[in-house]
């Protein structure tokens, strides 16, 4: 009798684990866009920004991108966006709201792009955690006492390093209404 209960409990745990794994694997499917292809140099009165995502550990959380307060869309691990802008100072905002009970993360970066220049930004999501005292509930990061957080990092890179990374990415298409041309 006790063996039957134990076996039922094990089957229940195995079934739950298998279901959770299938759900997470389905959510973590690789990006399906076209592989990276470098665009021609921007026109002398324009600038180009490549934003790409490469996480050190797999994360199914999409990163929401905004440039100058305008939504661009969401970027999955292994995707890139090529964004044409007017030259000048721009602000990239990248944020994540996890698909699990793990907390939000966000970051922003101001950068100056000269006329005819191409800039490269690498975005990554990293899980940061601290030990929990026994019996303490999970806190939300960004609030006092936050204990676990998926943090978004933005790193400007040089062309050579960025192009090596970009070779392993696929293109993400920005929202059609995103990024109206801004005058300098």
C-alpha atoms as a PDB file:
ATOM      1  CA  UNK A   1       0.000   0.000   0.000  1.00  0.00           C
ATOM      2  CA  UNK A   2       2.759   2.416   0.946  1.00  0.00           C
ATOM      3  CA  UNK A   3       4.701   1.387  -2.179  1.00  0.00           C
ATOM      4  CA  UNK A   4       1.658   2.151  -4.353  1.00  0.00           C
ATOM      5  CA  UNK A   5       1.361   5.661  -2.894  1.00  0.00           C
ATOM      6  CA  UNK A   6       5.058   6.264  -3.368  1.00  0.00           C
ATOM      7  CA  UNK A   7       4.882   5.046  -6.996  1.00  0.00           C
ATOM      8  CA  UNK A   8       1.855   7.302  -7.717  1.00  0.00           C
ATOM      9  CA  UNK A   9       3.673  10.264  -6.224  1.00  0.00           C
ATOM     10  CA  UNK A  10       6.774   9.527  -8.328  1.00  0.00           C
ATOM     11  CA  UNK A  11       4.655   9.232 -11.496  1.00  0.00           C
ATOM     12  CA  UNK A  12       2.948  12.517 -10.654  1.00  0.00           C
ATOM     13  CA  UNK A  13       6.291  14.250 -10.142  1.00  0.00           C
ATOM     14  CA  UNK A  14       7.663  12.739 -13.369  1.00  0.00           C
ATOM     15  CA  UNK A  15       4.568  13.830 -15.324  1.00  0.00           C
ATOM     16  CA  UNK A  16       4.719  17.366 -13.918  1.00  0.00           C
ATOM     17  CA  UNK A  17       8.441  17.599 -14.673  1.00  0.00           C
ATOM     18  CA  UNK A  18       7.925  16.356 -18.241  1.00  0.00           C
ATOM     19  CA  UNK A  19       5.107  18.870 -18.838  1.00  0.00           C
ATOM     20  CA  UNK A  20       7.139  21.780 -17.449  1.00  0.00           C
ATOM     21  CA  UNK A  21      10.118  20.767 -19.600  1.00  0.00           C
ATOM     22  CA  UNK A  22       7.986  20.612 -22.759  1.00  0.00           C
ATOM     23  CA  UNK A  23       6.507  24.032 -22.047  1.00  0.00           C
ATOM     24  CA  UNK A  24       9.906  25.622 -21.420  1.00  0.00           C
ATOM     25  CA  UNK A  25      11.496  23.969 -24.465  1.00  0.00           C
ATOM     26  CA  UNK A  26       8.595  25.196 -26.610  1.00  0.00           C
ATOM     27  CA  UNK A  27       9.073  28.735 -25.293  1.00  0.00           C
ATOM     28  CA  UNK A  28      12.823  28.576 -25.822  1.00  0.00           C
ATOM     29  CA  UNK A  29      12.726  27.601 -29.487  1.00  0.00           C
ATOM     30  CA  UNK A  30      15.488  29.275 -31.490  1.00  0.00           C
ATOM     31  CA  UNK A  31      14.777  32.435 -33.460  1.00  0.00           C
ATOM     32  CA  UNK A  32      13.572  31.790 -37.014  1.00  0.00           C
ATOM     33  CA  UNK A  33      14.514  34.965 -38.873  1.00  0.00           C
ATOM     34  CA  UNK A  34      17.053  35.134 -41.689  1.00  0.00           C
ATOM     35  CA  UNK A  35      20.731  34.743 -40.692  1.00  0.00           C
ATOM     36  CA  UNK A  36      22.873  37.827 -40.168  1.00  0.00           C
ATOM     37  CA  UNK A  37      23.853  39.742 -43.271  1.00  0.00           C
ATOM     38  CA  UNK A  38      25.674  43.044 -42.909  1.00  0.00           C
ATOM     39  CA  UNK A  39      23.810  45.971 -44.439  1.00  0.00           C
ATOM     40  CA  UNK A  40      25.668  48.426 -46.677  1.00  0.00           C
ATOM     41  CA  UNK A  41      27.149  51.455 -44.938  1.00  0.00           C
ATOM     42  CA  UNK A  42      24.495  54.034 -43.998  1.00  0.00           C
ATOM     43  CA  UNK A  43      24.074  57.158 -46.121  1.00  0.00           C
ATOM     44  CA  UNK A  44      26.296  60.083 -45.054  1.00  0.00           C
ATOM     45  CA  UNK A  45      23.319  61.814 -43.385  1.00  0.00           C
ATOM     46  CA  UNK A  46      22.154  58.658 -41.532  1.00  0.00           C
ATOM     47  CA  UNK A  47      23.516  56.286 -38.864  1.00  0.00           C
ATOM     48  CA  UNK A  48      22.948  52.591 -38.190  1.00  0.00           C
ATOM     49  CA  UNK A  49      22.611  50.828 -34.836  1.00  0.00           C
ATOM     50  CA  UNK A  50      22.926  47.064 -34.538  1.00  0.00           C
ATOM     51  CA  UNK A  51      21.446  45.737 -31.295  1.00  0.00           C
ATOM     52  CA  UNK A  52      21.886  42.030 -30.708  1.00  0.00           C
ATOM     53  CA  UNK A  53      21.266  39.627 -27.870  1.00  0.00           C
ATOM     54  CA  UNK A  54      23.553  36.869 -26.667  1.00  0.00           C
ATOM     55  CA  UNK A  55      22.927  35.461 -23.193  1.00  0.00           C
ATOM     56  CA  UNK A  56      25.651  33.609 -21.288  1.00  0.00           C
ATOM     57  CA  UNK A  57      22.948  31.130 -20.139  1.00  0.00           C
ATOM     58  CA  UNK A  58      19.723  30.440 -22.002  1.00  0.00           C
ATOM     59  CA  UNK A  59      16.811  32.674 -20.997  1.00  0.00           C
ATOM     60  CA  UNK A  60      13.282  32.466 -22.388  1.00  0.00           C
ATOM     61  CA  UNK A  61      12.483  36.006 -21.266  1.00  0.00           C
ATOM     62  CA  UNK A  62      12.040  38.402 -24.202  1.00  0.00           C
ATOM     63  CA  UNK A  63      13.855  41.747 -23.984  1.00  0.00           C
ATOM     64  CA  UNK A  64      11.705  44.751 -24.869  1.00  0.00           C
ATOM     65  CA  UNK A  65      13.622  47.416 -26.792  1.00  0.00           C
ATOM     66  CA  UNK A  66      12.961  51.137 -27.102  1.00  0.00           C
ATOM     67  CA  UNK A  67      15.043  53.782 -28.848  1.00  0.00           C
ATOM     68  CA  UNK A  68      14.399  57.377 -27.828  1.00  0.00           C
ATOM     69  CA  UNK A  69      11.204  56.272 -26.070  1.00  0.00           C
ATOM     70  CA  UNK A  70       9.798  54.587 -29.212  1.00  0.00           C
ATOM     71  CA  UNK A  71       9.078  50.831 -28.966  1.00  0.00           C
ATOM     72  CA  UNK A  72      11.137  48.717 -31.354  1.00  0.00           C
ATOM     73  CA  UNK A  73       9.809  45.286 -30.319  1.00  0.00           C
ATOM     74  CA  UNK A  74      11.143  42.302 -28.379  1.00  0.00           C
ATOM     75  CA  UNK A  75      14.450  40.549 -28.904  1.00  0.00           C
ATOM     76  CA  UNK A  76      14.980  36.844 -28.149  1.00  0.00           C
ATOM     77  CA  UNK A  77      18.358  35.287 -27.376  1.00  0.00           C
ATOM     78  CA  UNK A  78      20.304  34.960 -30.656  1.00  0.00           C
ATOM     79  CA  UNK A  79      18.459  37.745 -32.521  1.00  0.00           C
ATOM     80  CA  UNK A  80      19.608  41.119 -33.819  1.00  0.00           C
ATOM     81  CA  UNK A  81      17.976  44.297 -35.077  1.00  0.00           C
ATOM     82  CA  UNK A  82      19.480  46.769 -37.543  1.00  0.00           C
ATOM     83  CA  UNK A  83      18.011  50.208 -36.880  1.00  0.00           C
ATOM     84  CA  UNK A  84      18.598  53.224 -39.101  1.00  0.00           C
ATOM     85  CA  UNK A  85      18.643  56.534 -37.226  1.00  0.00           C
ATOM     86  CA  UNK A  86      19.480  60.163 -37.677  1.00  0.00           C
ATOM     87  CA  UNK A  87      22.997  60.957 -36.409  1.00  0.00           C
ATOM     88  CA  UNK A  88      23.218  62.287 -32.865  1.00  0.00           C
ATOM     89  CA  UNK A  89      22.550  61.206 -29.309  1.00  0.00           C
ATOM     90  CA  UNK A  90      20.118  58.322 -28.815  1.00  0.00           C
ATOM     91  CA  UNK A  91      18.886  56.391 -25.799  1.00  0.00           C
ATOM     92  CA  UNK A  92      18.424  52.612 -25.921  1.00  0.00           C
ATOM     93  CA  UNK A  93      16.218  51.092 -23.231  1.00  0.00           C
ATOM     94  CA  UNK A  94      16.118  47.328 -22.733  1.00  0.00           C
ATOM     95  CA  UNK A  95      13.820  45.611 -20.255  1.00  0.00           C
ATOM     96  CA  UNK A  96      12.673  42.137 -19.358  1.00  0.00           C
ATOM     97  CA  UNK A  97       9.689  40.864 -17.458  1.00  0.00           C
ATOM     98  CA  UNK A  98      10.301  37.212 -16.840  1.00  0.00           C
ATOM     99  CA  UNK A  99       7.888  34.462 -17.870  1.00  0.00           C
ATOM    100  CA  UNK A 100       8.427  32.893 -14.450  1.00  0.00           C
ATOM    101  CA  UNK A 101       8.019  34.328 -10.967  1.00  0.00           C
ATOM    102  CA  UNK A 102      11.542  35.717 -11.212  1.00  0.00           C
ATOM    103  CA  UNK A 103      11.609  39.496 -11.251  1.00  0.00           C
ATOM    104  CA  UNK A 104      11.956  42.279 -13.817  1.00  0.00           C
ATOM    105  CA  UNK A 105      15.237  43.711 -15.029  1.00  0.00           C
ATOM    106  CA  UNK A 106      15.941  46.846 -17.037  1.00  0.00           C
ATOM    107  CA  UNK A 107      18.766  49.046 -18.264  1.00  0.00           C
ATOM    108  CA  UNK A 108      19.392  51.987 -20.582  1.00  0.00           C
ATOM    109  CA  UNK A 109      22.313  53.514 -22.419  1.00  0.00           C
ATOM    110  CA  UNK A 110      22.867  56.861 -24.125  1.00  0.00           C
ATOM    111  CA  UNK A 111      25.148  56.846 -27.142  1.00  0.00           C
ATOM    112  CA  UNK A 112      26.273  59.283 -29.800  1.00  0.00           C
ATOM    113  CA  UNK A 113      26.354  58.029 -33.386  1.00  0.00           C
ATOM    114  CA  UNK A 114      28.121  60.202 -35.974  1.00  0.00           C
ATOM    115  CA  UNK A 115      26.853  60.698 -39.545  1.00  0.00           C
ATOM    116  CA  UNK A 116      27.617  57.614 -41.684  1.00  0.00           C
ATOM    117  CA  UNK A 117      28.663  55.617 -38.586  1.00  0.00           C
ATOM    118  CA  UNK A 118      27.522  52.148 -37.523  1.00  0.00           C
ATOM    119  CA  UNK A 119      27.358  51.360 -33.782  1.00  0.00           C
ATOM    120  CA  UNK A 120      27.044  47.930 -32.128  1.00  0.00           C
ATOM    121  CA  UNK A 121      25.343  47.143 -28.816  1.00  0.00           C
ATOM    122  CA  UNK A 122      25.272  43.694 -27.233  1.00  0.00           C
ATOM    123  CA  UNK A 123      22.328  43.027 -24.896  1.00  0.00           C
ATOM    124  CA  UNK A 124      22.381  40.078 -22.509  1.00  0.00           C
ATOM    125  CA  UNK A 125      20.160  38.776 -19.730  1.00  0.00           C
ATOM    126  CA  UNK A 126      21.834  37.318 -16.665  1.00  0.00           C
ATOM    127  CA  UNK A 127      20.271  35.802 -13.564  1.00  0.00           C
ATOM    128  CA  UNK A 128      21.602  37.292 -10.356  1.00  0.00           C
ATOM    129  CA  UNK A 129      20.730  35.744  -7.048  1.00  0.00           C
ATOM    130  CA  UNK A 130      21.548  36.026  -3.373  1.00  0.00           C
ATOM    131  CA  UNK A 131      21.190  33.395  -0.686  1.00  0.00           C
ATOM    132  CA  UNK A 132      17.762  33.383   0.987  1.00  0.00           C
ATOM    133  CA  UNK A 133      17.528  33.215   4.776  1.00  0.00           C
ATOM    134  CA  UNK A 134      15.542  30.150   5.820  1.00  0.00           C
ATOM    135  CA  UNK A 135      11.799  30.619   5.467  1.00  0.00           C
ATOM    136  CA  UNK A 136      12.018  33.988   3.690  1.00  0.00           C
ATOM    137  CA  UNK A 137       9.705  34.563   0.715  1.00  0.00           C
ATOM    138  CA  UNK A 138      11.054  35.516  -2.693  1.00  0.00           C
ATOM    139  CA  UNK A 139      11.269  39.292  -3.104  1.00  0.00           C
ATOM    140  CA  UNK A 140      10.976  41.180  -6.369  1.00  0.00           C
ATOM    141  CA  UNK A 141      14.175  42.854  -7.595  1.00  0.00           C
ATOM    142  CA  UNK A 142      13.937  46.585  -8.080  1.00  0.00           C
ATOM    143  CA  UNK A 143      12.219  46.855  -4.736  1.00  0.00           C
ATOM    144  CA  UNK A 144      13.952  47.035  -1.353  1.00  0.00           C
ATOM    145  CA  UNK A 145      15.190  43.604  -0.359  1.00  0.00           C
ATOM    146  CA  UNK A 146      15.036  42.125  -3.880  1.00  0.00           C
ATOM    147  CA  UNK A 147      16.683  38.720  -3.888  1.00  0.00           C
ATOM    148  CA  UNK A 148      16.533  37.277  -7.408  1.00  0.00           C
ATOM    149  CA  UNK A 149      16.566  39.192 -10.651  1.00  0.00           C
ATOM    150  CA  UNK A 150      17.045  38.734 -14.374  1.00  0.00           C
ATOM    151  CA  UNK A 151      19.212  41.727 -15.156  1.00  0.00           C
ATOM    152  CA  UNK A 152      19.661  43.274 -18.587  1.00  0.00           C
ATOM    153  CA  UNK A 153      23.168  44.329 -19.589  1.00  0.00           C
ATOM    154  CA  UNK A 154      24.008  46.616 -22.531  1.00  0.00           C
ATOM    155  CA  UNK A 155      27.577  46.614 -23.814  1.00  0.00           C
ATOM    156  CA  UNK A 156      28.939  48.785 -26.648  1.00  0.00           C
ATOM    157  CA  UNK A 157      31.377  46.769 -28.795  1.00  0.00           C
ATOM    158  CA  UNK A 158      33.803  47.423 -31.603  1.00  0.00           C
ATOM    159  CA  UNK A 159      32.971  46.310 -35.128  1.00  0.00           C
ATOM    160  CA  UNK A 160      35.315  43.280 -35.277  1.00  0.00           C
ATOM    161  CA  UNK A 161      34.046  41.677 -32.041  1.00  0.00           C
ATOM    162  CA  UNK A 162      30.414  42.488 -32.814  1.00  0.00           C
ATOM    163  CA  UNK A 163      30.607  41.009 -36.321  1.00  0.00           C
ATOM    164  CA  UNK A 164      32.021  37.744 -34.876  1.00  0.00           C
ATOM    165  CA  UNK A 165      29.017  37.567 -32.493  1.00  0.00           C
ATOM    166  CA  UNK A 166      26.493  38.640 -35.114  1.00  0.00           C
ATOM    167  CA  UNK A 167      27.520  35.752 -37.399  1.00  0.00           C
ATOM    168  CA  UNK A 168      25.597  33.453 -35.010  1.00  0.00           C
ATOM    169  CA  UNK A 169      22.383  35.505 -34.922  1.00  0.00           C
ATOM    170  CA  UNK A 170      19.184  35.821 -36.926  1.00  0.00           C
ATOM    171  CA  UNK A 171      17.385  39.026 -37.865  1.00  0.00           C
ATOM    172  CA  UNK A 172      14.518  40.391 -35.822  1.00  0.00           C
ATOM    173  CA  UNK A 173      12.195  42.736 -37.685  1.00  0.00           C
ATOM    174  CA  UNK A 174      11.435  45.933 -35.732  1.00  0.00           C
ATOM    175  CA  UNK A 175       7.830  47.028 -35.453  1.00  0.00           C
ATOM    176  CA  UNK A 176       6.789  48.795 -38.686  1.00  0.00           C
ATOM    177  CA  UNK A 177       5.694  51.957 -36.882  1.00  0.00           C
ATOM    178  CA  UNK A 178       8.859  52.069 -34.756  1.00  0.00           C
ATOM    179  CA  UNK A 179      11.487  54.721 -35.012  1.00  0.00           C
ATOM    180  CA  UNK A 180      10.181  57.565 -37.105  1.00  0.00           C
ATOM    181  CA  UNK A 181      13.074  59.624 -38.477  1.00  0.00           C
ATOM    182  CA  UNK A 182      14.230  62.275 -36.015  1.00  0.00           C
ATOM    183  CA  UNK A 183      15.816  65.466 -37.178  1.00  0.00           C
ATOM    184  CA  UNK A 184      19.187  66.332 -35.560  1.00  0.00           C
END
